[in-house]
Amino acid sequence: MISLPRGNRLWVALLVIGVLSFSLGIPVEAVAASQSSYFRIQVSSEYTLYGLIWENELRISVSPEMLSAVPPIKPTNTEVGDYEPYESHYTYAYPEIALSVPKEHLPAGADGLKLDLTFHGWKSRGRWVGTQYVQANIGLCVRDEAGVEWSYWLWTGCDTGSRPRTAPAMGIPHASRLTLKVAPQEKEARETGIAAQVMSGESSLSDVKRDGASQTVALRVLDGKGKVIKQETGDLSKFGYT
């Protein structure tokens, strides 16, 4: 055992932290940051994916130790909004990616999973502050008899945390038999809104895609005599209350 003067002990501790940080390929500042943007994707009770957003890059891996080894994913869109002096809201939208999940851990009936992720965070004087979170659209993928891939998309998400193994986790939405829900919403006198939603259990689908292309929905409103009084077409997001 080597004895050191008290003044040198902190220096040795910081040196060790620095060596570990560089061995992981993550800048030293990440260790000292007040909040790092880690999150987990709980695919099943026995299978977890780990995510990290460092600066503006997204990494997803099967273990925290491998996060530095996977290729980073850059955002396809970045938005910065200034709200108060020295405080800004950052939004990073990432491209749709396929998640690597063994078949035995996929939800029942699914052939694959896809992820469409957006990160939201706040910076004050150049440092992340407050609670950061990720908003995710999870696609449950199924191939039909002709080999066409259909993906059914549902919203999920979670806050981020400073440690990968204990970071907040988002679950995979439960898939069940699809149903159509149509409901009126009174807007103004003599005007009524209509929401048409495709439901999977209690969850509303945000989109349905065929080989990556969003499918068009046609909505027709008939009067008591069967006459079409309103007709609209668009994707699923057009027909919700929002």
C-alpha atoms as a PDB file:
ATOM      1  CA  MET A   1       0.000   0.000   0.000  1.00  0.00           C
ATOM      2  CA  ILE A   2       1.294   3.451  -0.967  1.00  0.00           C
ATOM      3  CA  SER A   3       0.512   6.334   1.377  1.00  0.00           C
ATOM      4  CA  LEU A   4      -0.148   9.698  -0.201  1.00  0.00           C
ATOM      5  CA  PRO A   5      -0.500  13.170   1.258  1.00  0.00           C
ATOM      6  CA  ARG A   6      -4.155  14.163   1.569  1.00  0.00           C
ATOM      7  CA  GLY A   7      -3.862  16.748  -1.146  1.00  0.00           C
ATOM      8  CA  ASN A   8      -3.030  14.067  -3.729  1.00  0.00           C
ATOM      9  CA  ARG A   9      -5.892  11.671  -3.014  1.00  0.00           C
ATOM     10  CA  LEU A  10      -8.494  13.645  -4.956  1.00  0.00           C
ATOM     11  CA  TRP A  11      -6.125  13.959  -7.883  1.00  0.00           C
ATOM     12  CA  VAL A  12      -5.685  10.165  -8.019  1.00  0.00           C
ATOM     13  CA  ALA A  13      -9.471   9.640  -7.856  1.00  0.00           C
ATOM     14  CA  LEU A  14     -10.029  12.015 -10.759  1.00  0.00           C
ATOM     15  CA  LEU A  15      -7.272  10.311 -12.737  1.00  0.00           C
ATOM     16  CA  VAL A  16      -9.013   6.942 -12.316  1.00  0.00           C
ATOM     17  CA  ILE A  17     -12.327   8.435 -13.467  1.00  0.00           C
ATOM     18  CA  GLY A  18     -10.606   9.929 -16.480  1.00  0.00           C
ATOM     19  CA  VAL A  19      -9.021   6.596 -17.491  1.00  0.00           C
ATOM     20  CA  LEU A  20     -12.374   4.798 -17.213  1.00  0.00           C
ATOM     21  CA  SER A  21     -14.124   7.484 -19.228  1.00  0.00           C
ATOM     22  CA  PHE A  22     -11.669   7.423 -22.092  1.00  0.00           C
ATOM     23  CA  SER A  23     -11.706   3.606 -22.132  1.00  0.00           C
ATOM     24  CA  LEU A  24     -15.471   3.814 -22.788  1.00  0.00           C
ATOM     25  CA  GLY A  25     -15.023   6.390 -25.519  1.00  0.00           C
ATOM     26  CA  ILE A  26     -17.115   8.942 -23.610  1.00  0.00           C
ATOM     27  CA  PRO A  27     -15.683  12.379 -22.729  1.00  0.00           C
ATOM     28  CA  VAL A  28     -14.678  12.967 -19.116  1.00  0.00           C
ATOM     29  CA  GLU A  29     -17.370  15.638 -18.802  1.00  0.00           C
ATOM     30  CA  ALA A  30     -20.042  12.922 -19.103  1.00  0.00           C
ATOM     31  CA  VAL A  31     -18.968  11.461 -15.769  1.00  0.00           C
ATOM     32  CA  ALA A  32     -19.131  14.788 -13.997  1.00  0.00           C
ATOM     33  CA  ALA A  33     -22.327  15.977 -15.678  1.00  0.00           C
ATOM     34  CA  SER A  34     -25.275  16.612 -13.372  1.00  0.00           C
ATOM     35  CA  GLN A  35     -27.496  14.530 -15.651  1.00  0.00           C
ATOM     36  CA  SER A  36     -26.622  12.175 -18.486  1.00  0.00           C
ATOM     37  CA  SER A  37     -29.359  11.128 -20.862  1.00  0.00           C
ATOM     38  CA  TYR A  38     -29.627   7.366 -20.406  1.00  0.00           C
ATOM     39  CA  PHE A  39     -32.841   5.385 -20.873  1.00  0.00           C
ATOM     40  CA  ARG A  40     -33.891   1.748 -21.188  1.00  0.00           C
ATOM     41  CA  ILE A  41     -36.260  -0.101 -23.512  1.00  0.00           C
ATOM     42  CA  GLN A  42     -37.855  -2.984 -21.617  1.00  0.00           C
ATOM     43  CA  VAL A  43     -38.679  -5.326 -24.494  1.00  0.00           C
ATOM     44  CA  SER A  44     -39.588  -8.226 -22.186  1.00  0.00           C
ATOM     45  CA  SER A  45     -39.015  -9.224 -18.573  1.00  0.00           C
ATOM     46  CA  GLU A  46     -35.747 -10.869 -19.653  1.00  0.00           C
ATOM     47  CA  TYR A  47     -34.526  -8.546 -22.417  1.00  0.00           C
ATOM     48  CA  THR A  48     -33.513  -4.897 -22.083  1.00  0.00           C
ATOM     49  CA  LEU A  49     -31.956  -2.455 -24.529  1.00  0.00           C
ATOM     50  CA  TYR A  50     -29.933   0.516 -23.247  1.00  0.00           C
ATOM     51  CA  GLY A  51     -29.973   3.949 -24.828  1.00  0.00           C
ATOM     52  CA  LEU A  52     -27.732   6.993 -24.472  1.00  0.00           C
ATOM     53  CA  ILE A  53     -27.966  10.471 -25.932  1.00  0.00           C
ATOM     54  CA  TRP A  54     -24.615  12.221 -25.685  1.00  0.00           C
ATOM     55  CA  GLU A  55     -24.447  15.707 -27.162  1.00  0.00           C
ATOM     56  CA  ASN A  56     -26.910  15.165 -30.030  1.00  0.00           C
ATOM     57  CA  GLU A  57     -26.059  11.545 -30.919  1.00  0.00           C
ATOM     58  CA  LEU A  58     -28.164   8.479 -30.094  1.00  0.00           C
ATOM     59  CA  ARG A  59     -26.685   5.094 -29.221  1.00  0.00           C
ATOM     60  CA  ILE A  60     -28.608   1.893 -28.438  1.00  0.00           C
ATOM     61  CA  SER A  61     -27.013  -1.349 -27.287  1.00  0.00           C
ATOM     62  CA  VAL A  62     -27.754  -4.657 -25.578  1.00  0.00           C
ATOM     63  CA  SER A  63     -25.536  -3.652 -22.626  1.00  0.00           C
ATOM     64  CA  PRO A  64     -24.249  -0.415 -21.051  1.00  0.00           C
ATOM     65  CA  GLU A  65     -20.651  -1.544 -21.611  1.00  0.00           C
ATOM     66  CA  MET A  66     -21.186  -1.693 -25.392  1.00  0.00           C
ATOM     67  CA  LEU A  67     -22.747   1.757 -25.802  1.00  0.00           C
ATOM     68  CA  SER A  68     -19.429   3.301 -26.767  1.00  0.00           C
ATOM     69  CA  ALA A  69     -18.824   0.644 -29.436  1.00  0.00           C
ATOM     70  CA  VAL A  70     -22.052   0.971 -31.425  1.00  0.00           C
ATOM     71  CA  PRO A  71     -22.225   3.482 -34.301  1.00  0.00           C
ATOM     72  CA  PRO A  72     -23.852   6.759 -33.225  1.00  0.00           C
ATOM     73  CA  ILE A  73     -27.079   7.876 -34.868  1.00  0.00           C
ATOM     74  CA  LYS A  74     -27.304  11.559 -35.738  1.00  0.00           C
ATOM     75  CA  PRO A  75     -30.619  13.441 -35.646  1.00  0.00           C
ATOM     76  CA  THR A  76     -32.442  14.132 -38.873  1.00  0.00           C
ATOM     77  CA  ASN A  77     -33.912  17.298 -37.387  1.00  0.00           C
ATOM     78  CA  THR A  78     -32.840  19.628 -34.577  1.00  0.00           C
ATOM     79  CA  GLU A  79     -34.957  22.417 -33.128  1.00  0.00           C
ATOM     80  CA  VAL A  80     -33.871  24.977 -30.538  1.00  0.00           C
ATOM     81  CA  GLY A  81     -36.379  27.268 -28.851  1.00  0.00           C
ATOM     82  CA  ASP A  82     -35.399  30.115 -26.515  1.00  0.00           C
ATOM     83  CA  TYR A  83     -37.821  30.581 -23.608  1.00  0.00           C
ATOM     84  CA  GLU A  84     -35.969  32.570 -20.966  1.00  0.00           C
ATOM     85  CA  PRO A  85     -32.646  34.398 -20.872  1.00  0.00           C
ATOM     86  CA  TYR A  86     -29.870  31.795 -21.089  1.00  0.00           C
ATOM     87  CA  GLU A  87     -32.392  28.887 -21.245  1.00  0.00           C
ATOM     88  CA  SER A  88     -33.292  26.941 -24.387  1.00  0.00           C
ATOM     89  CA  HIS A  89     -35.378  23.883 -25.249  1.00  0.00           C
ATOM     90  CA  TYR A  90     -33.675  21.340 -27.519  1.00  0.00           C
ATOM     91  CA  THR A  91     -35.500  18.751 -29.646  1.00  0.00           C
ATOM     92  CA  TYR A  92     -33.590  16.038 -31.498  1.00  0.00           C
ATOM     93  CA  ALA A  93     -35.616  13.851 -33.890  1.00  0.00           C
ATOM     94  CA  TYR A  94     -33.870  10.648 -34.991  1.00  0.00           C
ATOM     95  CA  PRO A  95     -34.473   8.478 -38.057  1.00  0.00           C
ATOM     96  CA  GLU A  96     -36.590   5.343 -37.841  1.00  0.00           C
ATOM     97  CA  ILE A  97     -34.434   2.346 -36.897  1.00  0.00           C
ATOM     98  CA  ALA A  98     -34.939  -1.409 -36.538  1.00  0.00           C
ATOM     99  CA  LEU A  99     -34.223  -2.738 -33.048  1.00  0.00           C
ATOM    100  CA  SER A 100     -32.124  -5.885 -32.743  1.00  0.00           C
ATOM    101  CA  VAL A 101     -34.249  -8.225 -30.631  1.00  0.00           C
ATOM    102  CA  PRO A 102     -34.119 -12.059 -30.595  1.00  0.00           C
ATOM    103  CA  LYS A 103     -37.309 -13.660 -31.869  1.00  0.00           C
ATOM    104  CA  GLU A 104     -38.104 -15.270 -28.508  1.00  0.00           C
ATOM    105  CA  HIS A 105     -38.275 -11.854 -26.801  1.00  0.00           C
ATOM    106  CA  LEU A 106     -40.518 -10.133 -29.349  1.00  0.00           C
ATOM    107  CA  PRO A 107     -44.158  -9.458 -28.456  1.00  0.00           C
ATOM    108  CA  ALA A 108     -46.486 -12.297 -29.412  1.00  0.00           C
ATOM    109  CA  GLY A 109     -47.253 -12.230 -33.130  1.00  0.00           C
ATOM    110  CA  ALA A 110     -44.521  -9.695 -34.005  1.00  0.00           C
ATOM    111  CA  ASP A 111     -41.669 -10.397 -36.425  1.00  0.00           C
ATOM    112  CA  GLY A 112     -39.688  -7.295 -35.474  1.00  0.00           C
ATOM    113  CA  LEU A 113     -39.623  -3.939 -33.698  1.00  0.00           C
ATOM    114  CA  LYS A 114     -38.866  -0.467 -35.005  1.00  0.00           C
ATOM    115  CA  LEU A 115     -38.211   2.759 -33.136  1.00  0.00           C
ATOM    116  CA  ASP A 116     -38.919   6.391 -34.011  1.00  0.00           C
ATOM    117  CA  LEU A 117     -37.395   8.495 -31.208  1.00  0.00           C
ATOM    118  CA  THR A 118     -37.428  12.180 -30.258  1.00  0.00           C
ATOM    119  CA  PHE A 119     -35.395  13.667 -27.396  1.00  0.00           C
ATOM    120  CA  HIS A 120     -36.491  16.743 -25.429  1.00  0.00           C
ATOM    121  CA  GLY A 121     -34.181  18.632 -23.074  1.00  0.00           C
ATOM    122  CA  TRP A 122     -33.418  22.026 -21.587  1.00  0.00           C
ATOM    123  CA  LYS A 123     -30.098  23.833 -21.380  1.00  0.00           C
ATOM    124  CA  SER A 124     -29.176  26.810 -19.237  1.00  0.00           C
ATOM    125  CA  ARG A 125     -25.876  28.555 -19.904  1.00  0.00           C
ATOM    126  CA  GLY A 126     -24.719  25.567 -21.946  1.00  0.00           C
ATOM    127  CA  ARG A 127     -25.558  22.846 -19.387  1.00  0.00           C
ATOM    128  CA  TRP A 128     -28.480  20.431 -19.289  1.00  0.00           C
ATOM    129  CA  VAL A 129     -30.953  21.313 -16.531  1.00  0.00           C
ATOM    130  CA  GLY A 130     -34.217  19.905 -15.227  1.00  0.00           C
ATOM    131  CA  THR A 131     -35.762  16.701 -16.534  1.00  0.00           C
ATOM    132  CA  GLN A 132     -34.948  15.418 -20.010  1.00  0.00           C
ATOM    133  CA  TYR A 133     -37.176  12.862 -21.702  1.00  0.00           C
ATOM    134  CA  VAL A 134     -37.569  10.764 -24.828  1.00  0.00           C
ATOM    135  CA  GLN A 135     -40.813  10.380 -26.759  1.00  0.00           C
ATOM    136  CA  ALA A 136     -40.936   7.149 -28.729  1.00  0.00           C
ATOM    137  CA  ASN A 137     -43.095   5.656 -31.423  1.00  0.00           C
ATOM    138  CA  ILE A 138     -42.734   1.860 -31.369  1.00  0.00           C
ATOM    139  CA  GLY A 139     -43.568  -0.105 -34.502  1.00  0.00           C
ATOM    140  CA  LEU A 140     -44.712  -3.729 -34.122  1.00  0.00           C
ATOM    141  CA  CYS A 141     -43.801  -5.384 -37.420  1.00  0.00           C
ATOM    142  CA  VAL A 142     -45.593  -8.340 -39.005  1.00  0.00           C
ATOM    143  CA  ARG A 143     -45.067  -9.927 -42.424  1.00  0.00           C
ATOM    144  CA  ASP A 144     -48.074 -11.228 -44.305  1.00  0.00           C
ATOM    145  CA  GLU A 145     -48.180 -14.316 -46.545  1.00  0.00           C
ATOM    146  CA  ALA A 146     -46.927 -12.287 -49.502  1.00  0.00           C
ATOM    147  CA  GLY A 147     -43.884 -11.112 -47.548  1.00  0.00           C
ATOM    148  CA  VAL A 148     -45.180  -7.552 -47.167  1.00  0.00           C
ATOM    149  CA  GLU A 149     -44.177  -5.896 -43.901  1.00  0.00           C
ATOM    150  CA  TRP A 150     -46.947  -4.198 -41.958  1.00  0.00           C
ATOM    151  CA  SER A 151     -45.997  -2.076 -38.960  1.00  0.00           C
ATOM    152  CA  TYR A 152     -48.426  -0.895 -36.285  1.00  0.00           C
ATOM    153  CA  TRP A 153     -47.180   2.144 -34.356  1.00  0.00           C
ATOM    154  CA  LEU A 154     -47.971   3.113 -30.760  1.00  0.00           C
ATOM    155  CA  TRP A 155     -46.678   5.906 -28.536  1.00  0.00           C
ATOM    156  CA  THR A 156     -44.574   5.372 -25.446  1.00  0.00           C
ATOM    157  CA  GLY A 157     -41.691   7.191 -23.745  1.00  0.00           C
ATOM    158  CA  CYS A 158     -39.928   7.977 -20.466  1.00  0.00           C
ATOM    159  CA  ASP A 159     -37.646  10.413 -18.675  1.00  0.00           C
ATOM    160  CA  THR A 160     -33.895   9.929 -18.938  1.00  0.00           C
ATOM    161  CA  GLY A 161     -31.466   9.248 -16.098  1.00  0.00           C
ATOM    162  CA  SER A 162     -27.808   9.616 -15.169  1.00  0.00           C
ATOM    163  CA  ARG A 163     -26.999   5.881 -14.819  1.00  0.00           C
ATOM    164  CA  PRO A 164     -27.716   3.295 -17.534  1.00  0.00           C
ATOM    165  CA  ARG A 165     -28.727   0.294 -15.406  1.00  0.00           C
ATOM    166  CA  THR A 166     -31.164   2.277 -13.251  1.00  0.00           C
ATOM    167  CA  ALA A 167     -32.357   4.745 -15.893  1.00  0.00           C
ATOM    168  CA  PRO A 168     -36.129   5.064 -16.474  1.00  0.00           C
ATOM    169  CA  ALA A 169     -37.522   2.407 -18.807  1.00  0.00           C
ATOM    170  CA  MET A 170     -40.160   2.548 -21.518  1.00  0.00           C
ATOM    171  CA  GLY A 171     -42.230  -0.542 -22.110  1.00  0.00           C
ATOM    172  CA  ILE A 172     -43.343  -2.070 -25.388  1.00  0.00           C
ATOM    173  CA  PRO A 173     -47.062  -1.361 -25.878  1.00  0.00           C
ATOM    174  CA  HIS A 174     -49.210  -4.476 -25.681  1.00  0.00           C
ATOM    175  CA  ALA A 175     -50.567  -5.591 -29.045  1.00  0.00           C
ATOM    176  CA  SER A 176     -54.069  -7.013 -29.305  1.00  0.00           C
ATOM    177  CA  ARG A 177     -56.927  -7.342 -31.791  1.00  0.00           C
ATOM    178  CA  LEU A 178     -57.427  -4.111 -33.737  1.00  0.00           C
ATOM    179  CA  THR A 179     -60.721  -2.269 -33.441  1.00  0.00           C
ATOM    180  CA  LEU A 180     -62.107   0.974 -34.863  1.00  0.00           C
ATOM    181  CA  LYS A 181     -63.328   3.656 -32.460  1.00  0.00           C
ATOM    182  CA  VAL A 182     -65.411   6.545 -33.790  1.00  0.00           C
ATOM    183  CA  ALA A 183     -66.500   9.269 -31.381  1.00  0.00           C
ATOM    184  CA  PRO A 184     -68.081  12.725 -31.809  1.00  0.00           C
ATOM    185  CA  GLN A 185     -66.750  15.851 -30.148  1.00  0.00           C
ATOM    186  CA  GLU A 186     -68.835  19.012 -29.876  1.00  0.00           C
ATOM    187  CA  LYS A 187     -66.801  21.993 -31.054  1.00  0.00           C
ATOM    188  CA  GLU A 188     -69.172  24.929 -31.543  1.00  0.00           C
ATOM    189  CA  ALA A 189     -72.863  25.500 -32.060  1.00  0.00           C
ATOM    190  CA  ARG A 190     -74.056  23.531 -35.084  1.00  0.00           C
ATOM    191  CA  GLU A 191     -70.569  22.004 -35.502  1.00  0.00           C
ATOM    192  CA  THR A 192     -69.387  18.560 -34.409  1.00  0.00           C
ATOM    193  CA  GLY A 193     -65.917  17.052 -34.677  1.00  0.00           C
ATOM    194  CA  ILE A 194     -65.383  13.358 -35.316  1.00  0.00           C
ATOM    195  CA  ALA A 195     -62.414  11.325 -34.119  1.00  0.00           C
ATOM    196  CA  ALA A 196     -61.716   8.005 -35.844  1.00  0.00           C
ATOM    197  CA  GLN A 197     -59.077   5.924 -34.100  1.00  0.00           C
ATOM    198  CA  VAL A 198     -57.693   2.465 -34.757  1.00  0.00           C
ATOM    199  CA  MET A 199     -57.267   0.851 -31.347  1.00  0.00           C
ATOM    200  CA  SER A 200     -55.052  -1.947 -30.057  1.00  0.00           C
ATOM    201  CA  GLY A 201     -56.660  -2.735 -26.719  1.00  0.00           C
ATOM    202  CA  GLU A 202     -56.776   0.593 -24.845  1.00  0.00           C
ATOM    203  CA  SER A 203     -54.027   2.170 -26.974  1.00  0.00           C
ATOM    204  CA  SER A 204     -54.624   4.251 -30.083  1.00  0.00           C
ATOM    205  CA  LEU A 205     -52.387   3.537 -33.070  1.00  0.00           C
ATOM    206  CA  SER A 206     -50.443   6.549 -34.271  1.00  0.00           C
ATOM    207  CA  ASP A 207     -49.793   5.060 -37.703  1.00  0.00           C
ATOM    208  CA  VAL A 208     -50.074   1.944 -39.862  1.00  0.00           C
ATOM    209  CA  LYS A 209     -47.386   1.413 -42.500  1.00  0.00           C
ATOM    210  CA  ARG A 210     -47.079  -0.986 -45.411  1.00  0.00           C
ATOM    211  CA  ASP A 211     -43.438  -1.605 -46.339  1.00  0.00           C
ATOM    212  CA  GLY A 212     -42.544   1.675 -44.616  1.00  0.00           C
ATOM    213  CA  ALA A 213     -45.255   3.820 -46.202  1.00  0.00           C
ATOM    214  CA  SER A 214     -48.069   5.285 -44.077  1.00  0.00           C
ATOM    215  CA  GLN A 215     -51.468   4.079 -45.177  1.00  0.00           C
ATOM    216  CA  THR A 216     -54.221   6.457 -46.227  1.00  0.00           C
ATOM    217  CA  VAL A 217     -57.477   6.497 -44.301  1.00  0.00           C
ATOM    218  CA  ALA A 218     -60.752   7.576 -45.911  1.00  0.00           C
ATOM    219  CA  LEU A 219     -63.523   8.950 -43.676  1.00  0.00           C
ATOM    220  CA  ARG A 220     -67.031   9.651 -44.980  1.00  0.00           C
ATOM    221  CA  VAL A 221     -69.854  11.154 -42.942  1.00  0.00           C
ATOM    222  CA  LEU A 222     -73.400  10.362 -44.105  1.00  0.00           C
ATOM    223  CA  ASP A 223     -76.684  11.952 -43.169  1.00  0.00           C
ATOM    224  CA  GLY A 224     -79.851  10.038 -42.355  1.00  0.00           C
ATOM    225  CA  LYS A 225     -80.607   9.566 -46.058  1.00  0.00           C
ATOM    226  CA  GLY A 226     -77.184   8.121 -46.840  1.00  0.00           C
ATOM    227  CA  LYS A 227     -75.907  11.284 -48.521  1.00  0.00           C
ATOM    228  CA  VAL A 228     -72.207  12.086 -48.063  1.00  0.00           C
ATOM    229  CA  ILE A 229     -71.976  15.409 -46.199  1.00  0.00           C
ATOM    230  CA  LYS A 230     -68.246  15.292 -45.425  1.00  0.00           C
ATOM    231  CA  GLN A 231     -65.321  13.299 -46.775  1.00  0.00           C
ATOM    232  CA  GLU A 232     -61.664  13.448 -45.757  1.00  0.00           C
ATOM    233  CA  THR A 233     -58.555  11.387 -46.493  1.00  0.00           C
ATOM    234  CA  GLY A 234     -55.190  11.296 -44.728  1.00  0.00           C
ATOM    235  CA  ASP A 235     -53.106   9.229 -42.326  1.00  0.00           C
ATOM    236  CA  LEU A 236     -54.313   8.218 -38.864  1.00  0.00           C
ATOM    237  CA  SER A 237     -52.947  11.326 -37.151  1.00  0.00           C
ATOM    238  CA  LYS A 238     -55.403  13.487 -39.103  1.00  0.00           C
ATOM    239  CA  PHE A 239     -58.497  11.975 -37.525  1.00  0.00           C
ATOM    240  CA  GLY A 240     -57.741  12.169 -33.804  1.00  0.00           C
ATOM    241  CA  TYR A 241     -59.046  14.969 -31.585  1.00  0.00           C
ATOM    242  CA  THR A 242     -55.655  16.643 -31.741  1.00  0.00           C
END
